[in-house]
């Protein structure tokens, strides 16, 4: 049995997720209509087609919103878990995040602030491999590295590593402040060049700040962090 992230969900959640395949394909196709450079490896299959519609566990509900950390006098309780998936341009990453229990719980915790570095769908689609794949697994186990229960567990660990490499355990996150991501031991920081935020190392452009809520922010990235 080949790996599918649906198997990490409870039956009810899996049914709900399967009903969102069509919206995700529509969102991904909207992005693919824009001119994009083709991957260097022409044999690479686009991620959306390969995973058969993997997406967020709840449908995006329109354009991203700026949810203030606390409305003056009102005390907003909106958290990162409430806004992930609102922006269709990052719903691939939002879907991965919701499928991994520990990071998902973190975004629902008002006591743990987080800066989410969410890559655009197009950045994920153009990766040389899928986020749950590791060349070391293929080298050691061959083409069937992600089949069966052991393969599913292996893929889940890899996907968690990918997600956690994009979670910074602080917010607000000042410029030039070096912080280790939730997953990994390599320090990450950002600096501003010509009015544009860039994540280092990697010089990854921050397209925009999608949401600001009580326990952090969602930063939309033009690229993907090195997560291996």
N, C-alpha and C. Protein backbone atom coordinates (compact mmCIF):
# COMPACT_ATOMS: atom_id res chain seq x y z
N UNK A 1 0.86 -1.20 0.00
CA UNK A 1 0.00 0.00 0.00
C UNK A 1 0.88 1.23 0.00
N UNK A 2 0.69 2.11 -0.94
CA UNK A 2 1.50 3.32 -1.05
C UNK A 2 1.09 4.34 0.00
N UNK A 3 2.08 5.17 0.33
CA UNK A 3 1.81 6.21 1.33
C UNK A 3 0.82 7.23 0.82
N UNK A 4 -0.11 7.59 1.66
CA UNK A 4 -0.99 8.74 1.39
C UNK A 4 -1.25 9.45 2.69
N UNK A 5 -1.05 10.78 2.74
CA UNK A 5 -1.25 11.51 4.00
C UNK A 5 -2.64 11.39 4.55
N UNK A 6 -3.64 10.96 3.75
CA UNK A 6 -4.99 10.79 4.28
C UNK A 6 -5.00 9.80 5.44
N UNK A 7 -4.05 8.82 5.42
CA UNK A 7 -4.08 7.78 6.43
C UNK A 7 -3.70 8.29 7.80
N UNK A 8 -3.16 9.50 7.88
CA UNK A 8 -2.82 10.05 9.18
C UNK A 8 -4.02 10.67 9.86
N UNK A 9 -5.14 10.80 9.17
CA UNK A 9 -6.31 11.45 9.73
C UNK A 9 -7.28 10.43 10.27
N UNK A 10 -8.06 10.83 11.26
CA UNK A 10 -9.15 10.02 11.73
C UNK A 10 -10.15 9.85 10.60
N UNK A 11 -10.98 8.78 10.58
CA UNK A 11 -11.91 8.56 9.46
C UNK A 11 -12.77 9.76 9.13
N UNK A 12 -13.33 10.41 10.15
CA UNK A 12 -14.21 11.56 9.87
C UNK A 12 -13.44 12.68 9.20
N UNK A 13 -12.21 12.96 9.70
CA UNK A 13 -11.41 14.02 9.10
C UNK A 13 -11.01 13.66 7.69
N UNK A 14 -10.72 12.37 7.45
CA UNK A 14 -10.32 11.94 6.12
C UNK A 14 -11.43 12.17 5.12
N UNK A 15 -12.70 11.89 5.54
CA UNK A 15 -13.84 12.10 4.64
C UNK A 15 -13.98 13.57 4.31
N UNK A 16 -13.83 14.42 5.34
CA UNK A 16 -13.95 15.87 5.10
C UNK A 16 -12.85 16.35 4.17
N UNK A 17 -11.61 15.81 4.36
CA UNK A 17 -10.50 16.24 3.53
C UNK A 17 -10.71 15.81 2.09
N UNK A 18 -11.26 14.61 1.88
CA UNK A 18 -11.45 14.12 0.52
C UNK A 18 -12.44 14.96 -0.25
N UNK A 19 -13.37 15.63 0.46
CA UNK A 19 -14.37 16.44 -0.21
C UNK A 19 -13.79 17.75 -0.73
N UNK A 20 -12.52 18.03 -0.37
CA UNK A 20 -11.94 19.31 -0.75
C UNK A 20 -10.99 19.18 -1.93
N UNK A 21 -10.94 18.01 -2.56
CA UNK A 21 -10.01 17.80 -3.67
C UNK A 21 -10.28 18.79 -4.78
N UNK A 22 -11.58 18.97 -5.14
CA UNK A 22 -11.90 19.85 -6.26
C UNK A 22 -11.48 21.29 -6.00
N UNK A 23 -11.77 21.88 -4.82
CA UNK A 23 -11.31 23.25 -4.58
C UNK A 23 -9.81 23.39 -4.66
N UNK A 24 -9.06 22.37 -4.16
CA UNK A 24 -7.61 22.46 -4.19
C UNK A 24 -7.11 22.43 -5.62
N UNK A 25 -7.67 21.53 -6.45
CA UNK A 25 -7.24 21.48 -7.83
C UNK A 25 -7.53 22.80 -8.54
N UNK A 26 -8.70 23.41 -8.22
CA UNK A 26 -9.02 24.69 -8.84
C UNK A 26 -8.01 25.74 -8.41
N UNK A 27 -7.66 25.77 -7.09
CA UNK A 27 -6.70 26.76 -6.60
C UNK A 27 -5.34 26.55 -7.24
N UNK A 28 -4.90 25.27 -7.32
CA UNK A 28 -3.60 24.99 -7.90
C UNK A 28 -3.58 25.34 -9.38
N UNK A 29 -4.69 25.06 -10.09
CA UNK A 29 -4.72 25.35 -11.51
C UNK A 29 -4.69 26.84 -11.78
N UNK A 30 -5.29 27.63 -10.88
CA UNK A 30 -5.23 29.09 -11.02
C UNK A 30 -3.79 29.57 -10.99
N UNK A 31 -3.01 28.97 -10.10
CA UNK A 31 -1.61 29.36 -9.98
C UNK A 31 -0.84 28.91 -11.21
N UNK A 32 -1.14 27.68 -11.70
CA UNK A 32 -0.40 27.13 -12.81
C UNK A 32 -0.66 27.87 -14.10
N UNK A 33 -1.75 28.67 -14.19
CA UNK A 33 -2.02 29.46 -15.38
C UNK A 33 -1.00 30.58 -15.55
N UNK A 34 -0.38 30.98 -14.43
CA UNK A 34 0.61 32.04 -14.51
C UNK A 34 1.90 31.47 -15.09
N UNK A 35 2.64 32.26 -15.90
CA UNK A 35 3.90 31.76 -16.47
C UNK A 35 4.86 31.40 -15.37
N UNK A 36 5.41 30.19 -15.42
CA UNK A 36 6.36 29.74 -14.42
C UNK A 36 7.48 29.00 -15.12
N UNK A 37 8.67 29.09 -14.51
CA UNK A 37 9.79 28.33 -15.05
C UNK A 37 9.58 26.87 -14.80
N UNK A 38 9.89 26.03 -15.78
CA UNK A 38 9.73 24.60 -15.63
C UNK A 38 10.86 24.05 -14.79
N UNK A 39 10.62 23.00 -14.01
CA UNK A 39 11.68 22.38 -13.22
C UNK A 39 12.79 21.88 -14.13
N UNK A 40 14.02 21.88 -13.58
CA UNK A 40 15.14 21.42 -14.38
C UNK A 40 14.97 19.98 -14.79
N UNK A 41 14.41 19.16 -13.91
CA UNK A 41 14.18 17.75 -14.21
C UNK A 41 12.80 17.60 -14.83
N UNK A 42 12.74 17.40 -16.15
CA UNK A 42 11.46 17.36 -16.83
C UNK A 42 10.67 16.11 -16.48
N UNK A 43 11.32 15.15 -15.83
CA UNK A 43 10.59 13.94 -15.44
C UNK A 43 9.81 14.13 -14.17
N UNK A 44 10.06 15.24 -13.47
CA UNK A 44 9.36 15.50 -12.22
C UNK A 44 7.86 15.69 -12.47
N UNK A 45 7.03 15.00 -11.71
CA UNK A 45 5.59 15.14 -11.83
C UNK A 45 5.13 16.23 -10.88
N UNK A 46 4.32 17.18 -11.32
CA UNK A 46 3.84 18.24 -10.42
C UNK A 46 3.23 17.65 -9.17
N UNK A 47 3.49 18.27 -8.04
CA UNK A 47 3.06 17.73 -6.75
C UNK A 47 1.56 17.53 -6.67
N UNK A 48 0.76 18.49 -7.19
CA UNK A 48 -0.68 18.39 -7.06
C UNK A 48 -1.20 17.14 -7.75
N UNK A 49 -0.63 16.85 -8.95
CA UNK A 49 -1.07 15.66 -9.67
C UNK A 49 -0.61 14.41 -8.96
N UNK A 50 0.64 14.46 -8.40
CA UNK A 50 1.21 13.26 -7.81
C UNK A 50 0.46 12.82 -6.56
N UNK A 51 0.05 13.75 -5.72
CA UNK A 51 -0.56 13.36 -4.47
C UNK A 51 -2.07 13.23 -4.57
N UNK A 52 -2.62 13.49 -5.70
CA UNK A 52 -4.05 13.26 -5.90
C UNK A 52 -4.94 14.18 -5.10
N UNK A 53 -4.54 15.43 -4.92
CA UNK A 53 -5.46 16.38 -4.30
C UNK A 53 -5.24 16.61 -2.83
N UNK A 54 -4.00 16.36 -2.34
CA UNK A 54 -3.74 16.64 -0.92
C UNK A 54 -3.95 18.11 -0.65
N UNK A 55 -4.65 18.46 0.39
CA UNK A 55 -4.93 19.86 0.68
C UNK A 55 -5.28 20.07 2.12
N UNK A 56 -5.72 21.24 2.45
CA UNK A 56 -6.02 21.56 3.83
C UNK A 56 -7.23 20.81 4.35
N UNK A 57 -7.29 20.66 5.66
CA UNK A 57 -8.39 19.94 6.28
C UNK A 57 -9.62 20.80 6.41
N UNK A 58 -9.55 22.03 5.94
CA UNK A 58 -10.74 22.88 5.89
C UNK A 58 -10.58 23.81 4.70
N UNK A 59 -11.64 24.18 4.03
CA UNK A 59 -11.52 24.96 2.81
C UNK A 59 -11.13 26.39 3.09
N UNK A 60 -10.32 26.99 2.16
CA UNK A 60 -10.03 28.41 2.32
C UNK A 60 -11.30 29.21 2.20
N UNK A 61 -11.39 30.30 2.92
CA UNK A 61 -12.63 31.07 2.95
C UNK A 61 -12.44 32.48 2.43
N UNK A 62 -11.65 32.59 1.37
CA UNK A 62 -11.50 33.90 0.76
C UNK A 62 -10.12 34.47 0.94
N UNK A 63 -9.99 35.75 0.74
CA UNK A 63 -8.70 36.41 0.78
C UNK A 63 -8.16 36.44 2.19
N UNK A 64 -6.78 36.49 2.33
CA UNK A 64 -6.19 36.56 3.67
C UNK A 64 -6.65 37.79 4.40
N UNK A 65 -6.76 37.67 5.71
CA UNK A 65 -7.23 38.78 6.53
C UNK A 65 -6.18 39.14 7.56
N UNK A 66 -6.12 40.41 7.88
CA UNK A 66 -5.22 40.86 8.94
C UNK A 66 -6.00 40.85 10.24
N UNK A 67 -5.81 39.78 11.01
CA UNK A 67 -6.51 39.63 12.28
C UNK A 67 -5.60 40.14 13.37
N UNK A 68 -5.89 41.30 13.90
CA UNK A 68 -5.01 41.94 14.87
C UNK A 68 -4.77 41.07 16.08
N UNK A 69 -3.57 41.15 16.67
CA UNK A 69 -3.25 40.36 17.85
C UNK A 69 -4.26 40.58 18.97
N UNK A 70 -4.78 41.78 19.04
CA UNK A 70 -5.81 42.06 20.03
C UNK A 70 -6.50 43.35 19.63
N UNK A 71 -7.75 43.27 19.38
CA UNK A 71 -8.49 44.48 19.05
C UNK A 71 -8.51 45.39 20.27
N UNK A 72 -8.32 46.65 20.05
CA UNK A 72 -8.26 47.59 21.17
C UNK A 72 -9.52 47.48 22.01
N UNK A 73 -9.33 47.04 23.23
CA UNK A 73 -10.45 46.93 24.15
C UNK A 73 -11.26 45.67 23.96
N UNK A 74 -11.01 44.93 22.84
CA UNK A 74 -11.84 43.76 22.57
C UNK A 74 -11.20 42.46 22.96
N UNK A 75 -9.83 42.37 22.79
CA UNK A 75 -9.14 41.15 23.15
C UNK A 75 -9.45 40.01 22.21
N UNK A 76 -8.92 40.06 20.99
CA UNK A 76 -9.18 39.02 20.00
C UNK A 76 -8.62 37.69 20.46
N UNK A 77 -9.32 36.61 20.16
CA UNK A 77 -8.85 35.27 20.48
C UNK A 77 -8.53 34.48 19.23
N UNK A 78 -8.46 35.15 18.07
CA UNK A 78 -8.13 34.48 16.82
C UNK A 78 -6.67 34.03 16.87
N UNK A 79 -6.43 32.76 16.50
CA UNK A 79 -5.08 32.21 16.55
C UNK A 79 -4.67 31.71 15.18
N UNK A 80 -3.40 31.30 15.08
CA UNK A 80 -2.86 30.83 13.81
C UNK A 80 -3.65 29.66 13.24
N UNK A 81 -4.12 28.80 14.11
CA UNK A 81 -4.90 27.65 13.65
C UNK A 81 -6.19 28.07 12.95
N UNK A 82 -6.68 29.26 13.27
CA UNK A 82 -7.92 29.75 12.67
C UNK A 82 -7.70 30.34 11.27
N UNK A 83 -6.48 30.81 10.99
CA UNK A 83 -6.26 31.52 9.73
C UNK A 83 -5.47 30.72 8.69
N UNK A 84 -4.82 29.63 9.11
CA UNK A 84 -4.10 28.81 8.15
C UNK A 84 -5.08 28.23 7.14
N UNK A 85 -4.81 28.41 5.89
CA UNK A 85 -5.69 27.90 4.85
C UNK A 85 -6.61 28.94 4.26
N UNK A 86 -6.67 30.14 4.86
CA UNK A 86 -7.53 31.18 4.29
C UNK A 86 -7.00 31.67 2.94
N UNK A 87 -5.67 31.71 2.83
CA UNK A 87 -5.06 32.17 1.58
C UNK A 87 -4.83 30.96 0.68
N UNK A 88 -5.51 30.92 -0.46
CA UNK A 88 -5.43 29.77 -1.35
C UNK A 88 -4.02 29.57 -1.92
N UNK A 89 -3.21 30.61 -1.93
CA UNK A 89 -1.87 30.48 -2.51
C UNK A 89 -0.94 29.64 -1.65
N UNK A 90 -1.32 29.34 -0.39
CA UNK A 90 -0.47 28.52 0.49
C UNK A 90 -1.23 27.30 1.03
N UNK A 91 -2.32 26.89 0.37
CA UNK A 91 -3.12 25.83 0.98
C UNK A 91 -2.48 24.45 0.89
N UNK A 92 -1.46 24.26 0.06
CA UNK A 92 -0.72 22.99 0.12
C UNK A 92 0.02 22.86 1.45
N UNK A 93 0.75 23.91 1.82
CA UNK A 93 1.47 23.87 3.09
C UNK A 93 0.50 23.79 4.26
N UNK A 94 -0.60 24.52 4.19
CA UNK A 94 -1.59 24.47 5.26
C UNK A 94 -2.13 23.06 5.44
N UNK A 95 -2.33 22.35 4.32
CA UNK A 95 -2.81 20.97 4.41
C UNK A 95 -1.80 20.05 5.06
N UNK A 96 -0.52 20.20 4.71
CA UNK A 96 0.52 19.40 5.34
C UNK A 96 0.56 19.65 6.84
N UNK A 97 0.48 20.92 7.22
CA UNK A 97 0.57 21.30 8.62
C UNK A 97 -0.57 20.68 9.43
N UNK A 98 -1.77 20.72 8.88
CA UNK A 98 -2.93 20.18 9.60
C UNK A 98 -2.86 18.66 9.76
N UNK A 99 -2.08 17.99 8.91
CA UNK A 99 -1.97 16.54 8.98
C UNK A 99 -0.95 16.06 10.01
N UNK A 100 -0.19 16.98 10.60
CA UNK A 100 0.83 16.62 11.59
C UNK A 100 0.38 17.17 12.94
N UNK A 101 0.19 16.29 13.89
CA UNK A 101 -0.48 16.66 15.13
C UNK A 101 0.27 17.71 15.95
N UNK A 102 1.56 17.51 16.19
CA UNK A 102 2.29 18.41 17.08
C UNK A 102 2.36 19.85 16.56
N UNK A 103 2.76 20.09 15.31
CA UNK A 103 2.75 21.48 14.81
C UNK A 103 1.35 22.08 14.79
N UNK A 104 0.36 21.27 14.46
CA UNK A 104 -1.01 21.77 14.42
C UNK A 104 -1.46 22.23 15.81
N UNK A 105 -1.10 21.46 16.84
CA UNK A 105 -1.45 21.84 18.20
C UNK A 105 -0.73 23.12 18.61
N UNK A 106 0.49 23.29 18.16
CA UNK A 106 1.25 24.49 18.50
C UNK A 106 0.53 25.74 18.02
N UNK A 107 -0.02 25.68 16.81
CA UNK A 107 -0.69 26.85 16.24
C UNK A 107 -2.02 27.15 16.92
N UNK A 108 -2.48 26.22 17.74
CA UNK A 108 -3.72 26.42 18.48
C UNK A 108 -3.45 26.78 19.94
N UNK A 109 -2.19 27.03 20.26
CA UNK A 109 -1.78 27.29 21.64
C UNK A 109 -1.47 28.78 21.81
N UNK A 110 -2.26 29.52 22.59
CA UNK A 110 -2.01 30.95 22.79
C UNK A 110 -0.76 31.24 23.60
N UNK A 111 -0.20 30.21 24.26
CA UNK A 111 0.99 30.41 25.09
C UNK A 111 2.29 30.25 24.30
N UNK A 112 2.20 29.79 23.04
CA UNK A 112 3.41 29.58 22.23
C UNK A 112 3.31 30.37 20.94
N UNK A 113 4.03 31.48 20.88
CA UNK A 113 4.01 32.32 19.69
C UNK A 113 4.87 31.70 18.58
N UNK A 114 4.42 31.87 17.34
CA UNK A 114 5.09 31.24 16.20
C UNK A 114 5.01 32.16 14.98
N UNK A 115 6.10 32.21 14.23
CA UNK A 115 6.08 32.82 12.90
C UNK A 115 6.08 31.68 11.90
N UNK A 116 4.99 31.55 11.16
CA UNK A 116 4.86 30.47 10.17
C UNK A 116 5.43 30.97 8.84
N UNK A 117 6.41 30.26 8.32
CA UNK A 117 7.00 30.58 7.02
C UNK A 117 6.35 29.65 5.99
N UNK A 118 5.29 30.11 5.38
CA UNK A 118 4.48 29.26 4.50
C UNK A 118 4.87 29.46 3.04
N UNK A 119 5.46 28.44 2.39
CA UNK A 119 5.82 28.58 0.98
C UNK A 119 4.58 28.62 0.09
N UNK A 120 4.68 29.36 -1.01
CA UNK A 120 3.62 29.35 -2.00
C UNK A 120 3.42 27.95 -2.57
N UNK A 121 2.20 27.66 -3.02
CA UNK A 121 1.94 26.38 -3.68
C UNK A 121 2.94 26.13 -4.81
N UNK A 122 3.20 27.15 -5.60
CA UNK A 122 4.09 26.99 -6.76
C UNK A 122 5.49 26.58 -6.33
N UNK A 123 5.96 27.08 -5.18
CA UNK A 123 7.29 26.71 -4.69
C UNK A 123 7.33 25.23 -4.31
N UNK A 124 6.28 24.74 -3.68
CA UNK A 124 6.22 23.33 -3.29
C UNK A 124 6.09 22.44 -4.51
N UNK A 125 5.28 22.85 -5.48
CA UNK A 125 5.07 22.05 -6.68
C UNK A 125 6.35 21.86 -7.48
N UNK A 126 7.27 22.82 -7.40
CA UNK A 126 8.49 22.77 -8.19
C UNK A 126 9.68 22.18 -7.42
N UNK A 127 9.44 21.60 -6.26
CA UNK A 127 10.51 20.91 -5.55
C UNK A 127 10.97 19.70 -6.38
N UNK A 128 12.23 19.31 -6.29
CA UNK A 128 12.71 18.14 -7.04
C UNK A 128 12.12 16.83 -6.54
N UNK A 129 11.54 16.85 -5.35
CA UNK A 129 10.87 15.66 -4.81
C UNK A 129 9.74 16.13 -3.91
N UNK A 130 8.87 15.21 -3.53
CA UNK A 130 7.75 15.55 -2.67
C UNK A 130 8.25 15.76 -1.24
N UNK A 131 7.55 16.58 -0.44
CA UNK A 131 8.05 16.91 0.90
C UNK A 131 8.22 15.71 1.82
N UNK A 132 7.53 14.60 1.57
CA UNK A 132 7.67 13.43 2.44
C UNK A 132 8.70 12.43 1.91
N UNK A 133 9.39 12.78 0.84
CA UNK A 133 10.41 11.89 0.27
C UNK A 133 11.80 12.31 0.73
N UNK A 134 12.66 11.29 0.91
CA UNK A 134 14.05 11.53 1.28
C UNK A 134 14.93 10.63 0.43
N UNK A 135 15.88 11.18 -0.31
CA UNK A 135 16.75 10.35 -1.14
C UNK A 135 17.43 9.23 -0.37
N UNK A 136 17.71 9.47 0.92
CA UNK A 136 18.36 8.43 1.73
C UNK A 136 17.46 7.21 1.88
N UNK A 137 16.15 7.44 1.98
CA UNK A 137 15.21 6.32 2.09
C UNK A 137 15.23 5.48 0.82
N UNK A 138 15.23 6.16 -0.33
CA UNK A 138 15.26 5.44 -1.60
C UNK A 138 16.57 4.68 -1.77
N UNK A 139 17.67 5.28 -1.33
CA UNK A 139 18.97 4.62 -1.45
C UNK A 139 19.03 3.36 -0.60
N UNK A 140 18.44 3.44 0.59
CA UNK A 140 18.50 2.30 1.51
C UNK A 140 17.43 1.25 1.23
N UNK A 141 16.24 1.68 0.75
CA UNK A 141 15.10 0.77 0.67
C UNK A 141 14.53 0.60 -0.74
N UNK A 142 15.00 1.39 -1.67
CA UNK A 142 14.52 1.25 -3.04
C UNK A 142 13.21 1.98 -3.29
N UNK A 143 12.60 1.66 -4.42
CA UNK A 143 11.40 2.37 -4.88
C UNK A 143 10.20 2.19 -3.97
N UNK A 144 10.20 1.14 -3.14
CA UNK A 144 9.06 0.86 -2.26
C UNK A 144 9.25 1.42 -0.85
N UNK A 145 10.09 2.44 -0.73
CA UNK A 145 10.43 2.97 0.59
C UNK A 145 9.23 3.47 1.37
N UNK A 146 8.15 3.86 0.68
CA UNK A 146 7.01 4.45 1.37
C UNK A 146 5.75 3.59 1.27
N UNK A 147 5.94 2.30 1.05
CA UNK A 147 4.81 1.39 1.02
C UNK A 147 4.68 0.68 2.38
N UNK A 148 3.46 0.26 2.70
CA UNK A 148 3.21 -0.45 3.94
C UNK A 148 3.21 0.48 5.15
N UNK A 149 2.98 -0.11 6.32
CA UNK A 149 2.91 0.69 7.55
C UNK A 149 4.23 1.37 7.87
N UNK A 150 5.34 0.65 7.69
CA UNK A 150 6.64 1.25 7.96
C UNK A 150 6.89 2.43 7.02
N UNK A 151 6.52 2.27 5.77
CA UNK A 151 6.71 3.34 4.80
C UNK A 151 5.88 4.56 5.14
N UNK A 152 4.66 4.33 5.61
CA UNK A 152 3.79 5.45 5.99
C UNK A 152 4.39 6.21 7.17
N UNK A 153 4.91 5.48 8.14
CA UNK A 153 5.53 6.12 9.29
C UNK A 153 6.76 6.92 8.88
N UNK A 154 7.52 6.37 7.95
CA UNK A 154 8.71 7.04 7.44
C UNK A 154 8.33 8.34 6.72
N UNK A 155 7.30 8.27 5.90
CA UNK A 155 6.84 9.45 5.17
C UNK A 155 6.29 10.51 6.12
N UNK A 156 5.59 10.09 7.15
CA UNK A 156 5.05 11.04 8.12
C UNK A 156 6.16 11.78 8.84
N UNK A 157 7.22 11.07 9.20
CA UNK A 157 8.35 11.72 9.87
C UNK A 157 9.01 12.74 8.95
N UNK A 158 9.14 12.39 7.68
CA UNK A 158 9.74 13.32 6.73
C UNK A 158 8.87 14.56 6.53
N UNK A 159 7.56 14.35 6.46
CA UNK A 159 6.65 15.48 6.28
C UNK A 159 6.67 16.39 7.50
N UNK A 160 6.76 15.79 8.68
CA UNK A 160 6.86 16.60 9.89
C UNK A 160 8.13 17.44 9.88
N UNK A 161 9.23 16.85 9.43
CA UNK A 161 10.49 17.59 9.34
C UNK A 161 10.36 18.78 8.40
N UNK A 162 9.68 18.57 7.28
CA UNK A 162 9.46 19.65 6.31
C UNK A 162 8.65 20.78 6.94
N UNK A 163 7.56 20.43 7.62
CA UNK A 163 6.68 21.44 8.22
C UNK A 163 7.41 22.20 9.32
N UNK A 164 8.06 21.48 10.22
CA UNK A 164 8.70 22.12 11.37
C UNK A 164 9.88 23.00 10.97
N UNK A 165 10.49 22.72 9.82
CA UNK A 165 11.57 23.58 9.34
C UNK A 165 11.06 24.96 8.95
N UNK A 166 9.73 25.09 8.82
CA UNK A 166 9.12 26.37 8.43
C UNK A 166 8.36 27.03 9.59
N UNK A 167 8.60 26.57 10.81
CA UNK A 167 7.96 27.16 11.98
C UNK A 167 9.04 27.78 12.88
N UNK A 168 8.96 29.09 13.06
CA UNK A 168 9.92 29.80 13.90
C UNK A 168 9.26 30.04 15.26
N UNK A 169 9.85 29.56 16.37
CA UNK A 169 9.18 29.60 17.68
C UNK A 169 9.25 30.94 18.37
N UNK A 170 8.96 32.00 17.64
CA UNK A 170 8.91 33.33 18.25
C UNK A 170 8.09 34.26 17.36
N UNK A 171 7.46 35.24 17.97
CA UNK A 171 6.73 36.29 17.26
C UNK A 171 6.33 37.35 18.28
N UNK A 172 6.62 38.62 18.01
CA UNK A 172 7.27 39.17 16.82
C UNK A 172 8.71 38.66 16.67
N UNK A 173 9.18 38.66 15.43
CA UNK A 173 10.52 38.18 15.11
C UNK A 173 11.33 39.36 14.56
N UNK A 174 12.20 39.95 15.37
CA UNK A 174 12.96 41.13 14.92
C UNK A 174 13.96 40.78 13.82
N UNK A 175 14.28 41.75 13.00
CA UNK A 175 15.28 41.56 11.95
C UNK A 175 16.62 41.19 12.57
N UNK A 176 17.34 40.28 11.89
CA UNK A 176 18.69 39.84 12.25
C UNK A 176 18.75 39.00 13.53
N UNK A 177 17.59 38.70 14.11
CA UNK A 177 17.61 37.83 15.30
C UNK A 177 17.65 36.38 14.85
N UNK A 178 18.71 35.68 15.23
CA UNK A 178 18.90 34.29 14.82
C UNK A 178 18.16 33.35 15.77
N UNK A 179 17.32 32.51 15.16
CA UNK A 179 16.48 31.59 15.94
C UNK A 179 16.51 30.21 15.27
N UNK A 180 16.55 29.16 16.07
CA UNK A 180 16.44 27.81 15.53
C UNK A 180 14.97 27.48 15.30
N UNK A 181 14.62 26.94 14.14
CA UNK A 181 13.22 26.59 13.90
C UNK A 181 12.78 25.47 14.83
N UNK A 182 11.47 25.22 14.87
CA UNK A 182 10.94 24.15 15.73
C UNK A 182 11.61 22.82 15.40
N UNK A 183 11.83 22.57 14.12
CA UNK A 183 12.54 21.36 13.70
C UNK A 183 13.87 21.74 13.07
N UNK A 184 14.97 21.24 13.61
CA UNK A 184 16.27 21.55 13.04
C UNK A 184 17.15 22.32 13.98
N UNK A 185 18.46 22.30 13.70
CA UNK A 185 19.41 22.97 14.58
C UNK A 185 20.18 24.07 13.87
N UNK A 186 19.74 24.43 12.66
CA UNK A 186 20.38 25.51 11.92
C UNK A 186 19.66 26.83 12.19
N UNK A 187 20.38 27.83 12.63
CA UNK A 187 19.77 29.11 12.96
C UNK A 187 19.26 29.81 11.70
N UNK A 188 18.13 30.48 11.86
CA UNK A 188 17.48 31.20 10.77
C UNK A 188 17.30 32.65 11.21
N UNK A 189 17.42 33.57 10.27
CA UNK A 189 17.16 34.97 10.55
C UNK A 189 16.63 35.63 9.28
N UNK A 190 16.20 36.87 9.41
CA UNK A 190 15.76 37.59 8.22
C UNK A 190 16.37 38.98 8.21
N UNK A 191 16.53 39.49 7.02
CA UNK A 191 17.06 40.83 6.84
C UNK A 191 16.29 41.51 5.72
N UNK A 192 16.34 42.81 5.70
CA UNK A 192 15.60 43.56 4.69
C UNK A 192 16.57 44.09 3.63
N UNK A 193 16.25 43.77 2.36
CA UNK A 193 17.06 44.24 1.24
C UNK A 193 16.15 44.95 0.25
N UNK A 194 16.43 46.21 -0.01
CA UNK A 194 15.62 47.00 -0.95
C UNK A 194 14.14 46.95 -0.60
N UNK A 195 13.84 47.01 0.69
CA UNK A 195 12.46 47.04 1.14
C UNK A 195 11.76 45.69 1.16
N UNK A 196 12.52 44.61 0.94
CA UNK A 196 11.93 43.27 0.90
C UNK A 196 12.55 42.41 1.99
N UNK A 197 11.72 41.72 2.78
CA UNK A 197 12.23 40.78 3.78
C UNK A 197 12.79 39.55 3.06
N UNK A 198 13.92 39.06 3.53
CA UNK A 198 14.52 37.86 2.97
C UNK A 198 14.99 36.95 4.09
N UNK A 199 14.59 35.68 4.00
CA UNK A 199 14.96 34.68 5.01
C UNK A 199 16.35 34.16 4.70
N UNK A 200 17.18 34.10 5.74
CA UNK A 200 18.54 33.57 5.61
C UNK A 200 18.74 32.38 6.55
N UNK A 201 19.57 31.43 6.16
CA UNK A 201 20.24 31.33 4.88
C UNK A 201 19.28 30.93 3.75
N UNK A 202 19.67 31.21 2.55
CA UNK A 202 18.85 30.86 1.39
C UNK A 202 18.36 32.06 0.61
N UNK A 203 18.38 33.25 1.25
CA UNK A 203 17.93 34.48 0.59
C UNK A 203 16.53 34.31 -0.02
N UNK A 204 15.60 33.75 0.77
CA UNK A 204 14.23 33.47 0.30
C UNK A 204 13.36 34.70 0.52
N UNK A 205 12.72 35.13 -0.53
CA UNK A 205 11.90 36.34 -0.47
C UNK A 205 10.60 36.10 0.29
N UNK A 206 10.26 37.03 1.17
CA UNK A 206 8.96 37.03 1.84
C UNK A 206 8.01 37.85 0.97
N UNK A 207 7.03 37.20 0.37
CA UNK A 207 6.09 37.87 -0.52
C UNK A 207 5.22 38.85 0.25
N UNK A 208 4.72 38.39 1.41
CA UNK A 208 3.85 39.24 2.22
C UNK A 208 3.66 38.61 3.59
N UNK A 209 3.12 39.39 4.51
CA UNK A 209 2.67 38.88 5.80
C UNK A 209 1.17 38.65 5.66
N UNK A 210 0.78 37.38 5.60
CA UNK A 210 -0.61 37.05 5.30
C UNK A 210 -1.57 37.33 6.43
N UNK A 211 -1.17 37.04 7.66
CA UNK A 211 -2.05 37.23 8.82
C UNK A 211 -1.21 37.56 10.05
N UNK A 212 -1.78 38.37 10.92
CA UNK A 212 -1.19 38.66 12.22
C UNK A 212 -2.27 38.42 13.26
N UNK A 213 -2.03 37.48 14.17
CA UNK A 213 -3.04 37.09 15.16
C UNK A 213 -2.42 37.05 16.55
N UNK A 214 -3.20 36.59 17.50
CA UNK A 214 -2.79 36.69 18.90
C UNK A 214 -1.52 35.89 19.21
N UNK A 215 -1.29 34.78 18.51
CA UNK A 215 -0.12 33.95 18.84
C UNK A 215 0.89 33.88 17.70
N UNK A 216 0.88 34.88 16.79
CA UNK A 216 1.93 34.90 15.79
C UNK A 216 1.51 35.48 14.45
N UNK A 217 2.33 35.17 13.44
CA UNK A 217 2.11 35.69 12.10
C UNK A 217 2.34 34.59 11.06
N UNK A 218 1.73 34.77 9.89
CA UNK A 218 1.96 33.90 8.74
C UNK A 218 2.70 34.72 7.70
N UNK A 219 3.92 34.31 7.39
CA UNK A 219 4.71 34.96 6.35
C UNK A 219 4.67 34.06 5.11
N UNK A 220 4.32 34.61 3.97
CA UNK A 220 4.23 33.84 2.73
C UNK A 220 5.55 33.95 1.98
N UNK A 221 6.15 32.79 1.69
CA UNK A 221 7.48 32.75 1.08
C UNK A 221 7.40 32.38 -0.40
N UNK A 222 8.34 32.94 -1.15
CA UNK A 222 8.45 32.64 -2.58
C UNK A 222 9.17 31.33 -2.83
N UNK A 223 9.88 30.83 -1.82
CA UNK A 223 10.64 29.60 -1.95
C UNK A 223 10.45 28.71 -0.74
N UNK A 224 11.22 27.63 -0.71
CA UNK A 224 11.15 26.64 0.36
C UNK A 224 12.49 26.58 1.08
N UNK A 225 12.46 26.51 2.40
CA UNK A 225 13.68 26.39 3.19
C UNK A 225 14.30 25.02 2.97
N UNK A 226 15.62 24.96 3.12
CA UNK A 226 16.32 23.69 3.07
C UNK A 226 15.96 22.90 4.32
N UNK A 227 15.23 21.83 4.15
CA UNK A 227 14.68 21.10 5.30
C UNK A 227 15.36 19.74 5.51
N UNK A 228 16.38 19.41 4.74
CA UNK A 228 17.04 18.09 4.88
C UNK A 228 18.27 18.18 5.76
